[in-house]
PDB file of N, CA and C in Angstrom:
ATOM      1  N   MET A   1       6.197  -5.952 -12.863  1.00  0.00           N
ATOM      2  CA  MET A   1       4.991  -6.167 -12.689  1.00  0.00           C
ATOM      3  C   MET A   1       4.142  -4.823 -12.929  1.00  0.00           C
ATOM      4  N   ASN A   2       3.231  -4.436 -13.662  1.00  0.00           N
ATOM      5  CA  ASN A   2       2.436  -3.859 -13.917  1.00  0.00           C
ATOM      6  C   ASN A   2       2.113  -2.938 -12.577  1.00  0.00           C
ATOM      7  N   ILE A   3       2.175  -1.767 -13.247  1.00  0.00           N
ATOM      8  CA  ILE A   3       2.192  -1.096 -11.868  1.00  0.00           C
ATOM      9  C   ILE A   3       0.198  -0.701 -11.673  1.00  0.00           C
ATOM     10  N   ASP A   4      -0.456  -1.125 -12.824  1.00  0.00           N
ATOM     11  CA  ASP A   4      -2.079  -1.370 -12.464  1.00  0.00           C
ATOM     12  C   ASP A   4      -2.345  -2.172 -11.531  1.00  0.00           C
ATOM     13  N   GLN A   5      -1.454  -3.477 -12.038  1.00  0.00           N
ATOM     14  CA  GLN A   5      -2.023  -4.422 -11.158  1.00  0.00           C
ATOM     15  C   GLN A   5      -1.642  -4.319  -9.717  1.00  0.00           C
ATOM     16  N   LEU A   6      -0.781  -3.885  -9.243  1.00  0.00           N
ATOM     17  CA  LEU A   6       0.155  -3.479  -7.591  1.00  0.00           C
ATOM     18  C   LEU A   6      -0.750  -2.828  -6.942  1.00  0.00           C
ATOM     19  N   VAL A   7      -1.392  -1.158  -8.284  1.00  0.00           N
ATOM     20  CA  VAL A   7      -2.230  -0.902  -7.170  1.00  0.00           C
ATOM     21  C   VAL A   7      -3.504  -1.123  -7.204  1.00  0.00           C
ATOM     22  N   THR A   8      -4.128  -2.154  -7.460  1.00  0.00           N
ATOM     23  CA  THR A   8      -4.984  -3.202  -7.634  1.00  0.00           C
ATOM     24  C   THR A   8      -5.210  -3.845  -6.369  1.00  0.00           C
ATOM     25  N   MET A   9      -3.885  -4.706  -6.504  1.00  0.00           N
ATOM     26  CA  MET A   9      -3.573  -5.626  -5.233  1.00  0.00           C
ATOM     27  C   MET A   9      -3.305  -4.731  -4.193  1.00  0.00           C
ATOM     28  N   ALA A  10      -2.666  -3.504  -4.007  1.00  0.00           N
ATOM     29  CA  ALA A  10      -2.465  -2.711  -2.634  1.00  0.00           C
ATOM     30  C   ALA A  10      -3.700  -2.345  -2.324  1.00  0.00           C
ATOM     31  N   ASN A  11      -5.179  -1.988  -3.302  1.00  0.00           N
ATOM     32  CA  ASN A  11      -6.107  -1.652  -2.734  1.00  0.00           C
ATOM     33  C   ASN A  11      -6.911  -2.628  -2.155  1.00  0.00           C
ATOM     34  N   GLN A  12      -7.085  -3.739  -2.489  1.00  0.00           N
ATOM     35  CA  GLN A  12      -7.336  -4.969  -2.043  1.00  0.00           C
ATOM     36  C   GLN A  12      -6.947  -5.131  -0.729  1.00  0.00           C
ATOM     37  N   ILE A  13      -5.638  -5.215  -0.257  1.00  0.00           N
ATOM     38  CA  ILE A  13      -5.351  -5.309   0.984  1.00  0.00           C
ATOM     39  C   ILE A  13      -5.716  -4.213   1.835  1.00  0.00           C
ATOM     40  N   GLY A  14      -5.555  -2.838   1.045  1.00  0.00           N
ATOM     41  CA  GLY A  14      -6.142  -1.787   1.884  1.00  0.00           C
ATOM     42  C   GLY A  14      -7.971  -1.991   2.396  1.00  0.00           C
ATOM     43  N   SER A  15      -8.066  -2.288   1.510  1.00  0.00           N
ATOM     44  CA  SER A  15      -9.786  -2.463   1.545  1.00  0.00           C
ATOM     45  C   SER A  15     -10.421  -3.572   3.081  1.00  0.00           C
ATOM     46  N   PHE A  16      -9.133  -4.862   3.043  1.00  0.00           N
ATOM     47  CA  PHE A  16      -8.985  -5.860   4.412  1.00  0.00           C
ATOM     48  C   PHE A  16      -8.958  -4.740   5.742  1.00  0.00           C
ATOM     49  N   PHE A  17      -8.179  -3.876   5.755  1.00  0.00           N
ATOM     50  CA  PHE A  17      -7.563  -3.510   6.836  1.00  0.00           C
ATOM     51  C   PHE A  17      -8.210  -1.909   7.145  1.00  0.00           C
ATOM     52  N   LYS A  18      -9.025  -1.848   6.100  1.00  0.00           N
ATOM     53  CA  LYS A  18      -9.942  -0.551   6.384  1.00  0.00           C
ATOM     54  C   LYS A  18     -10.717  -0.249   7.344  1.00  0.00           C
ATOM     55  N   SER A  19     -11.452  -1.468   7.633  1.00  0.00           N
ATOM     56  CA  SER A  19     -12.269  -1.820   8.863  1.00  0.00           C
ATOM     57  C   SER A  19     -11.854  -1.793   9.948  1.00  0.00           C
ATOM     58  N   TYR A  20     -10.520  -1.561  10.294  1.00  0.00           N
ATOM     59  CA  TYR A  20      -9.941  -1.473  11.556  1.00  0.00           C
ATOM     60  C   TYR A  20     -10.397  -0.353  12.059  1.00  0.00           C
ATOM     61  N   PRO A  21     -10.699  -0.436  13.358  1.00  0.00           N
ATOM     62  CA  PRO A  21     -11.599   0.832  14.173  1.00  0.00           C
ATOM     63  C   PRO A  21     -10.196   2.008  14.235  1.00  0.00           C
ATOM     64  N   ASP A  22      -9.313   1.217  14.566  1.00  0.00           N
ATOM     65  CA  ASP A  22      -7.914   2.099  14.543  1.00  0.00           C
ATOM     66  C   ASP A  22      -7.189   2.067  13.329  1.00  0.00           C
ATOM     67  N   GLN A  23      -7.148   3.422  12.514  1.00  0.00           N
ATOM     68  CA  GLN A  23      -6.734   3.912  11.510  1.00  0.00           C
ATOM     69  C   GLN A  23      -5.274   3.606  11.423  1.00  0.00           C
ATOM     70  N   GLU A  24      -4.602   4.064  12.269  1.00  0.00           N
ATOM     71  CA  GLU A  24      -3.381   4.022  12.145  1.00  0.00           C
ATOM     72  C   GLU A  24      -2.536   2.597  12.612  1.00  0.00           C
ATOM     73  N   LYS A  25      -3.165   1.651  13.003  1.00  0.00           N
ATOM     74  CA  LYS A  25      -3.077   0.389  13.250  1.00  0.00           C
ATOM     75  C   LYS A  25      -3.470  -0.440  11.904  1.00  0.00           C
ATOM     76  N   ALA A  26      -4.522   0.457  11.273  1.00  0.00           N
ATOM     77  CA  ALA A  26      -4.270  -0.331   9.692  1.00  0.00           C
ATOM     78  C   ALA A  26      -3.407  -0.178   8.843  1.00  0.00           C
ATOM     79  N   LYS A  27      -2.730   1.011   9.036  1.00  0.00           N
ATOM     80  CA  LYS A  27      -2.071   1.737   8.195  1.00  0.00           C
ATOM     81  C   LYS A  27      -0.689   0.985   8.466  1.00  0.00           C
ATOM     82  N   GLU A  28      -0.553   0.679   9.515  1.00  0.00           N
ATOM     83  CA  GLU A  28       0.645  -0.203  10.184  1.00  0.00           C
ATOM     84  C   GLU A  28       0.465  -2.098   9.803  1.00  0.00           C
ATOM     85  N   GLU A  29      -0.681  -2.557   9.717  1.00  0.00           N
ATOM     86  CA  GLU A  29      -0.878  -3.865   8.967  1.00  0.00           C
ATOM     87  C   GLU A  29      -0.785  -3.756   7.709  1.00  0.00           C
ATOM     88  N   ILE A  30      -1.247  -3.254   6.704  1.00  0.00           N
ATOM     89  CA  ILE A  30      -0.997  -2.771   5.488  1.00  0.00           C
ATOM     90  C   ILE A  30       0.017  -2.811   5.138  1.00  0.00           C
ATOM     91  N   ALA A  31       1.555  -1.677   5.432  1.00  0.00           N
ATOM     92  CA  ALA A  31       2.739  -1.810   5.373  1.00  0.00           C
ATOM     93  C   ALA A  31       3.162  -3.257   5.620  1.00  0.00           C
ATOM     94  N   ASN A  32       2.968  -3.980   6.573  1.00  0.00           N
ATOM     95  CA  ASN A  32       3.221  -5.136   7.025  1.00  0.00           C
ATOM     96  C   ASN A  32       2.844  -6.372   6.233  1.00  0.00           C
ATOM     97  N   HIS A  33       1.799  -6.189   6.236  1.00  0.00           N
ATOM     98  CA  HIS A  33       1.460  -7.373   4.550  1.00  0.00           C
ATOM     99  C   HIS A  33       2.634  -7.064   3.323  1.00  0.00           C
ATOM    100  N   LEU A  34       2.523  -5.727   3.628  1.00  0.00           N
ATOM    101  CA  LEU A  34       3.469  -5.834   2.115  1.00  0.00           C
ATOM    102  C   LEU A  34       4.829  -5.917   2.369  1.00  0.00           C
ATOM    103  N   THR A  35       5.137  -5.680   3.422  1.00  0.00           N
ATOM    104  CA  THR A  35       6.542  -6.269   3.849  1.00  0.00           C
ATOM    105  C   THR A  35       6.773  -7.499   3.947  1.00  0.00           C
ATOM    106  N   LYS A  36       5.523  -8.849   4.047  1.00  0.00           N
ATOM    107  CA  LYS A  36       5.642  -9.653   4.563  1.00  0.00           C
ATOM    108  C   LYS A  36       5.582 -10.804   3.314  1.00  0.00           C
ATOM    109  N   PHE A  37       4.671 -10.314   1.947  1.00  0.00           N
ATOM    110  CA  PHE A  37       4.085 -10.986   1.168  1.00  0.00           C
ATOM    111  C   PHE A  37       4.285 -10.353  -0.236  1.00  0.00           C
ATOM    112  N   TRP A  38       5.030  -9.148  -0.507  1.00  0.00           N
ATOM    113  CA  TRP A  38       5.383  -8.610  -1.591  1.00  0.00           C
ATOM    114  C   TRP A  38       6.860  -8.677  -1.897  1.00  0.00           C
ATOM    115  N   ALA A  39       7.433  -9.363  -3.101  1.00  0.00           N
ATOM    116  CA  ALA A  39       8.844  -9.289  -2.982  1.00  0.00           C
ATOM    117  C   ALA A  39       9.452  -7.754  -3.225  1.00  0.00           C
ATOM    118  N   PRO A  40      10.890  -7.350  -2.909  1.00  0.00           N
ATOM    119  CA  PRO A  40      11.205  -6.283  -2.615  1.00  0.00           C
ATOM    120  C   PRO A  40      11.189  -5.311  -3.761  1.00  0.00           C
ATOM    121  N   PRO A  41      11.465  -6.219  -5.207  1.00  0.00           N
ATOM    122  CA  PRO A  41      11.190  -4.690  -6.415  1.00  0.00           C
ATOM    123  C   PRO A  41       9.412  -4.510  -6.352  1.00  0.00           C
ATOM    124  N   MET A  42       8.485  -5.547  -6.013  1.00  0.00           N
ATOM    125  CA  MET A  42       7.071  -5.060  -5.995  1.00  0.00           C
ATOM    126  C   MET A  42       7.255  -3.907  -5.029  1.00  0.00           C
ATOM    127  N   ARG A  43       7.758  -3.867  -3.792  1.00  0.00           N
ATOM    128  CA  ARG A  43       7.374  -2.896  -2.762  1.00  0.00           C
ATOM    129  C   ARG A  43       8.257  -1.178  -3.569  1.00  0.00           C
ATOM    130  N   LYS A  44       9.408  -1.591  -4.470  1.00  0.00           N
ATOM    131  CA  LYS A  44       9.912  -0.815  -4.919  1.00  0.00           C
ATOM    132  C   LYS A  44       9.231  -0.009  -5.421  1.00  0.00           C
ATOM    133  N   GLN A  45       8.579  -0.720  -6.663  1.00  0.00           N
ATOM    134  CA  GLN A  45       7.673  -0.037  -7.720  1.00  0.00           C
ATOM    135  C   GLN A  45       6.614   0.718  -7.291  1.00  0.00           C
ATOM    136  N   ILE A  46       6.015   0.030  -5.958  1.00  0.00           N
ATOM    137  CA  ILE A  46       4.769   0.830  -5.263  1.00  0.00           C
ATOM    138  C   ILE A  46       5.315   1.926  -4.786  1.00  0.00           C
ATOM    139  N   LYS A  47       5.986   1.984  -4.466  1.00  0.00           N
ATOM    140  CA  LYS A  47       6.748   3.607  -3.193  1.00  0.00           C
ATOM    141  C   LYS A  47       7.379   4.648  -4.296  1.00  0.00           C
ATOM    142  N   GLU A  48       7.992   4.019  -5.264  1.00  0.00           N
ATOM    143  CA  GLU A  48       8.112   5.017  -6.380  1.00  0.00           C
ATOM    144  C   GLU A  48       6.752   5.739  -7.150  1.00  0.00           C
ATOM    145  N   HIS A  49       5.840   4.502  -7.358  1.00  0.00           N
ATOM    146  CA  HIS A  49       4.195   4.987  -7.604  1.00  0.00           C
ATOM    147  C   HIS A  49       3.927   6.536  -7.000  1.00  0.00           C
ATOM    148  N   VAL A  50       4.048   5.828  -5.459  1.00  0.00           N
ATOM    149  CA  VAL A  50       3.400   7.106  -4.760  1.00  0.00           C
ATOM    150  C   VAL A  50       4.260   8.379  -4.783  1.00  0.00           C
ATOM    151  N   THR A  51       5.796   8.149  -4.825  1.00  0.00           N
ATOM    152  CA  THR A  51       6.749   9.435  -4.833  1.00  0.00           C
ATOM    153  C   THR A  51       6.364  10.282  -6.267  1.00  0.00           C
ATOM    154  N   LYS A  52       6.354   9.276  -7.555  1.00  0.00           N
ATOM    155  CA  LYS A  52       6.459   9.934  -8.841  1.00  0.00           C
ATOM    156  C   LYS A  52       5.329  10.379  -8.959  1.00  0.00           C
ATOM    157  N   ASN A  53       4.324   9.536  -8.712  1.00  0.00           N
ATOM    158  CA  ASN A  53       2.883   9.684  -9.367  1.00  0.00           C
ATOM    159  C   ASN A  53       1.629   9.811  -8.551  1.00  0.00           C
ATOM    160  N   ALA A  54       2.331  10.693  -7.209  1.00  0.00           N
ATOM    161  CA  ALA A  54       1.079  11.072  -6.148  1.00  0.00           C
ATOM    162  C   ALA A  54       0.187   9.981  -5.677  1.00  0.00           C
ATOM    163  N   GLY A  55       0.920   8.542  -6.248  1.00  0.00           N
ATOM    164  CA  GLY A  55      -0.097   7.109  -5.957  1.00  0.00           C
ATOM    165  C   GLY A  55      -1.494   7.186  -6.878  1.00  0.00           C
ATOM    166  N   LYS A  56      -1.193   7.841  -8.011  1.00  0.00           N
ATOM    167  CA  LYS A  56      -2.453   7.464  -8.775  1.00  0.00           C
ATOM    168  C   LYS A  56      -3.320   6.021  -8.615  1.00  0.00           C
ATOM    169  N   GLY A  57      -4.669   6.190  -8.267  1.00  0.00           N
ATOM    170  CA  GLY A  57      -5.592   5.221  -8.046  1.00  0.00           C
ATOM    171  C   GLY A  57      -5.381   4.386  -6.665  1.00  0.00           C
ATOM    172  N   LEU A  58      -4.065   5.020  -5.786  1.00  0.00           N
ATOM    173  CA  LEU A  58      -4.310   3.897  -4.675  1.00  0.00           C
ATOM    174  C   LEU A  58      -5.303   4.831  -3.405  1.00  0.00           C
ATOM    175  N   GLU A  59      -6.178   3.783  -3.205  1.00  0.00           N
ATOM    176  CA  GLU A  59      -6.708   4.377  -1.913  1.00  0.00           C
ATOM    177  C   GLU A  59      -5.738   5.307  -0.983  1.00  0.00           C
ATOM    178  N   VAL A  60      -6.508   6.418  -0.151  1.00  0.00           N
ATOM    179  CA  VAL A  60      -5.672   7.266   0.548  1.00  0.00           C
ATOM    180  C   VAL A  60      -5.028   6.296   2.037  1.00  0.00           C
ATOM    181  N   ILE A  61      -5.873   5.395   2.279  1.00  0.00           N
ATOM    182  CA  ILE A  61      -4.906   4.734   3.657  1.00  0.00           C
ATOM    183  C   ILE A  61      -3.947   3.836   2.859  1.00  0.00           C
ATOM    184  N   VAL A  62      -4.007   3.736   1.701  1.00  0.00           N
ATOM    185  CA  VAL A  62      -2.645   2.461   1.192  1.00  0.00           C
ATOM    186  C   VAL A  62      -1.544   3.548   1.028  1.00  0.00           C
ATOM    187  N   ILE A  63      -1.850   4.896   0.497  1.00  0.00           N
ATOM    188  CA  ILE A  63      -0.942   5.872   0.031  1.00  0.00           C
ATOM    189  C   ILE A  63      -0.166   6.464   1.905  1.00  0.00           C
ATOM    190  N   ASP A  64      -1.032   6.499   2.457  1.00  0.00           N
ATOM    191  CA  ASP A  64      -0.483   7.021   4.046  1.00  0.00           C
ATOM    192  C   ASP A  64       0.183   5.698   4.474  1.00  0.00           C
ATOM    193  N   ALA A  65      -0.260   4.685   4.467  1.00  0.00           N
ATOM    194  CA  ALA A  65       0.636   3.372   4.887  1.00  0.00           C
ATOM    195  C   ALA A  65       1.986   3.385   4.369  1.00  0.00           C
ATOM    196  N   ILE A  66       2.051   3.752   3.240  1.00  0.00           N
ATOM    197  CA  ILE A  66       3.240   3.645   2.421  1.00  0.00           C
ATOM    198  C   ILE A  66       4.091   4.307   2.984  1.00  0.00           C
ATOM    199  N   GLN A  67       3.885   5.723   2.875  1.00  0.00           N
ATOM    200  CA  GLN A  67       4.100   6.674   3.360  1.00  0.00           C
ATOM    201  C   GLN A  67       4.938   7.053   4.691  1.00  0.00           C
ATOM    202  N   LYS A  68       4.000   6.304   5.688  1.00  0.00           N
ATOM    203  CA  LYS A  68       4.232   6.312   6.882  1.00  0.00           C
ATOM    204  C   LYS A  68       4.846   4.780   7.510  1.00  0.00           C
ATOM    205  N   HIS A  69       4.857   3.573   6.547  1.00  0.00           N
ATOM    206  CA  HIS A  69       5.303   3.021   7.548  1.00  0.00           C
ATOM    207  C   HIS A  69       6.167   1.802   6.590  1.00  0.00           C
ATOM    208  N   LEU A  70       6.097   1.898   5.364  1.00  0.00           N
ATOM    209  CA  LEU A  70       7.371   1.030   4.060  1.00  0.00           C
ATOM    210  C   LEU A  70       8.419   1.908   4.354  1.00  0.00           C
TER     211      LEU A  70
END
């Protein structure tokens, strides 16, 4: 899948959970959502994007969620 599409999708998920008062819980929920609803190749691709490209285009909360919980 195109990385730009994955970034957009991940940011949409992040936007939803960003409203949680507990930001650590929000990060856990972002990672949980990615685990439950994204295919393994999609998760692998977004993780590589964070590692290789510093998560270019991703919201900070999404990058943190991927680094800490995925």
